[in-house]
């Protein structure tokens, strides 16, 4: 996506899902820039930590489902 690499993208739903590990702690301001850039182009951005995806998979999927039920911006 432009100058960025995203983890998961659904163009039709205008949704980006990012899965972040501990390596993202020092890069939080860069992640905020990326999120702002994506939102500025009409994308919704969801962020989850690796441990959420691995240990709370159903909860993560439910959050994604809820967002997908909303019309794209």
N, C-alpha and C. Protein backbone atom coordinates (compact mmCIF):
# COMPACT_ATOMS: atom_id res chain seq x y z
N UNK A 1 0.85 -1.17 0.00
CA UNK A 1 0.00 0.00 0.00
C UNK A 1 0.90 1.24 0.00
N UNK A 2 1.05 1.81 -1.16
CA UNK A 2 1.91 2.98 -1.23
C UNK A 2 3.30 2.63 -0.74
N UNK A 3 3.83 3.42 0.20
CA UNK A 3 5.18 3.14 0.70
C UNK A 3 5.20 2.11 1.82
N UNK A 4 4.07 1.50 2.14
CA UNK A 4 3.97 0.61 3.30
C UNK A 4 3.65 -0.82 2.90
N UNK A 5 4.01 -1.73 3.78
CA UNK A 5 3.61 -3.13 3.67
C UNK A 5 2.59 -3.37 4.78
N UNK A 6 1.46 -3.95 4.43
CA UNK A 6 0.44 -4.26 5.43
C UNK A 6 0.35 -5.77 5.59
N UNK A 7 -0.15 -6.21 6.74
CA UNK A 7 -0.24 -7.64 7.00
C UNK A 7 -1.39 -8.29 6.22
N UNK A 8 -2.58 -7.72 6.33
CA UNK A 8 -3.75 -8.25 5.64
C UNK A 8 -4.56 -7.10 5.08
N UNK A 9 -5.07 -7.28 3.88
CA UNK A 9 -5.82 -6.22 3.20
C UNK A 9 -7.03 -6.80 2.51
N UNK A 10 -8.16 -6.15 2.69
CA UNK A 10 -9.35 -6.45 1.90
C UNK A 10 -9.77 -5.14 1.24
N UNK A 11 -9.48 -5.02 -0.05
CA UNK A 11 -9.77 -3.79 -0.77
C UNK A 11 -11.27 -3.53 -0.82
N UNK A 12 -12.04 -4.57 -1.08
CA UNK A 12 -13.51 -4.42 -1.21
C UNK A 12 -14.11 -3.83 0.07
N UNK A 13 -13.64 -4.27 1.22
CA UNK A 13 -14.16 -3.77 2.51
C UNK A 13 -13.37 -2.56 3.01
N UNK A 14 -12.33 -2.18 2.28
CA UNK A 14 -11.46 -1.07 2.68
C UNK A 14 -10.95 -1.28 4.11
N UNK A 15 -10.43 -2.48 4.34
CA UNK A 15 -9.98 -2.86 5.68
C UNK A 15 -8.56 -3.39 5.64
N UNK A 16 -7.76 -2.86 6.55
CA UNK A 16 -6.39 -3.33 6.76
C UNK A 16 -6.33 -3.90 8.17
N UNK A 17 -5.77 -5.10 8.30
CA UNK A 17 -5.57 -5.70 9.62
C UNK A 17 -4.06 -5.85 9.83
N UNK A 18 -3.58 -5.27 10.91
CA UNK A 18 -2.17 -5.34 11.26
C UNK A 18 -2.03 -6.23 12.49
N UNK A 19 -1.05 -7.12 12.46
CA UNK A 19 -0.74 -7.98 13.60
C UNK A 19 0.67 -7.63 14.03
N UNK A 20 0.78 -7.07 15.23
CA UNK A 20 2.05 -6.54 15.72
C UNK A 20 2.64 -7.39 16.83
N UNK A 21 3.93 -7.55 16.75
CA UNK A 21 4.66 -8.22 17.81
C UNK A 21 5.44 -7.21 18.62
N UNK A 22 6.26 -7.67 19.52
CA UNK A 22 7.02 -6.78 20.39
C UNK A 22 7.98 -5.89 19.62
N UNK A 23 8.35 -6.28 18.40
CA UNK A 23 9.25 -5.46 17.60
C UNK A 23 8.62 -4.13 17.23
N UNK A 24 7.31 -4.01 17.38
CA UNK A 24 6.63 -2.76 17.04
C UNK A 24 6.66 -1.75 18.17
N UNK A 25 7.04 -2.14 19.36
CA UNK A 25 7.10 -1.18 20.48
C UNK A 25 7.95 0.04 20.13
N UNK A 26 9.18 -0.13 19.65
CA UNK A 26 9.98 1.06 19.33
C UNK A 26 9.49 1.81 18.10
N UNK A 27 8.64 1.20 17.29
CA UNK A 27 8.20 1.80 16.03
C UNK A 27 6.79 2.36 16.11
N UNK A 28 6.30 2.65 17.30
CA UNK A 28 4.91 3.07 17.44
C UNK A 28 4.61 4.35 16.65
N UNK A 29 5.52 5.32 16.64
CA UNK A 29 5.24 6.55 15.91
C UNK A 29 5.19 6.28 14.40
N UNK A 30 6.02 5.38 13.92
CA UNK A 30 5.97 5.01 12.49
C UNK A 30 4.66 4.28 12.18
N UNK A 31 4.20 3.44 13.10
CA UNK A 31 2.92 2.76 12.91
C UNK A 31 1.78 3.77 12.87
N UNK A 32 1.86 4.81 13.70
CA UNK A 32 0.82 5.85 13.70
C UNK A 32 0.81 6.60 12.37
N UNK A 33 2.00 6.86 11.82
CA UNK A 33 2.09 7.50 10.51
C UNK A 33 1.43 6.63 9.44
N UNK A 34 1.74 5.34 9.47
CA UNK A 34 1.16 4.42 8.50
C UNK A 34 -0.35 4.38 8.64
N UNK A 35 -0.84 4.30 9.86
CA UNK A 35 -2.28 4.27 10.09
C UNK A 35 -2.93 5.54 9.56
N UNK A 36 -2.34 6.69 9.83
CA UNK A 36 -2.88 7.96 9.34
C UNK A 36 -2.90 7.99 7.81
N UNK A 37 -1.83 7.50 7.19
CA UNK A 37 -1.75 7.47 5.73
C UNK A 37 -2.86 6.59 5.16
N UNK A 38 -3.05 5.41 5.74
CA UNK A 38 -4.08 4.49 5.26
C UNK A 38 -5.47 5.06 5.47
N UNK A 39 -5.73 5.62 6.64
CA UNK A 39 -7.05 6.20 6.91
C UNK A 39 -7.31 7.39 5.99
N UNK A 40 -6.27 8.13 5.68
CA UNK A 40 -6.41 9.25 4.76
C UNK A 40 -6.83 8.82 3.36
N UNK A 41 -6.65 7.56 3.06
CA UNK A 41 -7.06 7.01 1.76
C UNK A 41 -8.32 6.17 1.88
N UNK A 42 -9.02 6.31 3.01
CA UNK A 42 -10.33 5.67 3.15
C UNK A 42 -10.32 4.27 3.73
N UNK A 43 -9.18 3.81 4.22
CA UNK A 43 -9.12 2.46 4.79
C UNK A 43 -9.35 2.49 6.29
N UNK A 44 -10.03 1.47 6.76
CA UNK A 44 -10.14 1.24 8.20
C UNK A 44 -8.95 0.37 8.59
N UNK A 45 -8.40 0.64 9.76
CA UNK A 45 -7.21 -0.10 10.19
C UNK A 45 -7.49 -0.71 11.57
N UNK A 46 -7.35 -2.01 11.66
CA UNK A 46 -7.45 -2.72 12.93
C UNK A 46 -6.06 -3.23 13.29
N UNK A 47 -5.69 -3.07 14.55
CA UNK A 47 -4.39 -3.55 15.03
C UNK A 47 -4.61 -4.53 16.16
N UNK A 48 -3.89 -5.62 16.08
CA UNK A 48 -3.91 -6.63 17.13
C UNK A 48 -2.48 -7.01 17.46
N UNK A 49 -2.26 -7.39 18.69
CA UNK A 49 -0.96 -7.93 19.10
C UNK A 49 -0.93 -9.41 18.74
N UNK A 50 0.26 -9.91 18.47
CA UNK A 50 0.43 -11.33 18.15
C UNK A 50 -0.25 -12.23 19.17
N UNK A 51 -0.03 -11.92 20.46
CA UNK A 51 -0.60 -12.79 21.50
C UNK A 51 -2.12 -12.75 21.49
N UNK A 52 -2.73 -11.64 21.10
CA UNK A 52 -4.19 -11.60 20.97
C UNK A 52 -4.66 -12.58 19.89
N UNK A 53 -3.98 -12.54 18.76
CA UNK A 53 -4.37 -13.39 17.63
C UNK A 53 -4.20 -14.86 18.00
N UNK A 54 -3.13 -15.17 18.71
CA UNK A 54 -2.85 -16.57 19.06
C UNK A 54 -3.66 -17.08 20.24
N UNK A 55 -3.94 -16.21 21.22
CA UNK A 55 -4.58 -16.67 22.45
C UNK A 55 -6.05 -16.28 22.56
N UNK A 56 -6.47 -15.29 21.79
CA UNK A 56 -7.85 -14.82 21.85
C UNK A 56 -8.43 -14.74 20.43
N UNK A 57 -8.20 -15.78 19.68
CA UNK A 57 -8.54 -15.80 18.27
C UNK A 57 -10.01 -15.48 18.03
N UNK A 58 -10.90 -16.08 18.78
CA UNK A 58 -12.33 -15.86 18.58
C UNK A 58 -12.69 -14.39 18.80
N UNK A 59 -12.11 -13.77 19.81
CA UNK A 59 -12.36 -12.37 20.09
C UNK A 59 -11.86 -11.47 18.95
N UNK A 60 -10.69 -11.78 18.43
CA UNK A 60 -10.13 -11.03 17.30
C UNK A 60 -11.04 -11.17 16.08
N UNK A 61 -11.45 -12.38 15.79
CA UNK A 61 -12.34 -12.62 14.65
C UNK A 61 -13.67 -11.89 14.81
N UNK A 62 -14.17 -11.85 16.02
CA UNK A 62 -15.43 -11.14 16.28
C UNK A 62 -15.27 -9.64 16.04
N UNK A 63 -14.16 -9.07 16.46
CA UNK A 63 -13.91 -7.64 16.22
C UNK A 63 -13.84 -7.36 14.72
N UNK A 64 -13.18 -8.23 13.98
CA UNK A 64 -13.09 -8.06 12.53
C UNK A 64 -14.48 -8.19 11.91
N UNK A 65 -15.25 -9.16 12.35
CA UNK A 65 -16.61 -9.37 11.83
C UNK A 65 -17.47 -8.14 12.04
N UNK A 66 -17.40 -7.56 13.23
CA UNK A 66 -18.20 -6.37 13.55
C UNK A 66 -17.84 -5.22 12.62
N UNK A 67 -16.56 -5.03 12.40
CA UNK A 67 -16.12 -3.96 11.50
C UNK A 67 -16.60 -4.23 10.07
N UNK A 68 -16.54 -5.48 9.65
CA UNK A 68 -16.96 -5.82 8.30
C UNK A 68 -18.47 -5.63 8.08
N UNK A 69 -19.24 -5.68 9.16
CA UNK A 69 -20.68 -5.45 9.05
C UNK A 69 -21.01 -3.98 8.83
N UNK A 70 -20.09 -3.10 9.18
CA UNK A 70 -20.29 -1.66 8.97
C UNK A 70 -19.96 -1.33 7.52
N UNK A 71 -20.66 -0.37 6.94
CA UNK A 71 -20.31 0.01 5.57
C UNK A 71 -18.94 0.68 5.54
N UNK A 72 -18.18 0.47 4.46
CA UNK A 72 -16.87 1.13 4.35
C UNK A 72 -17.04 2.64 4.40
N UNK A 73 -15.98 3.33 4.80
CA UNK A 73 -16.08 4.81 4.89
C UNK A 73 -16.29 5.45 3.53
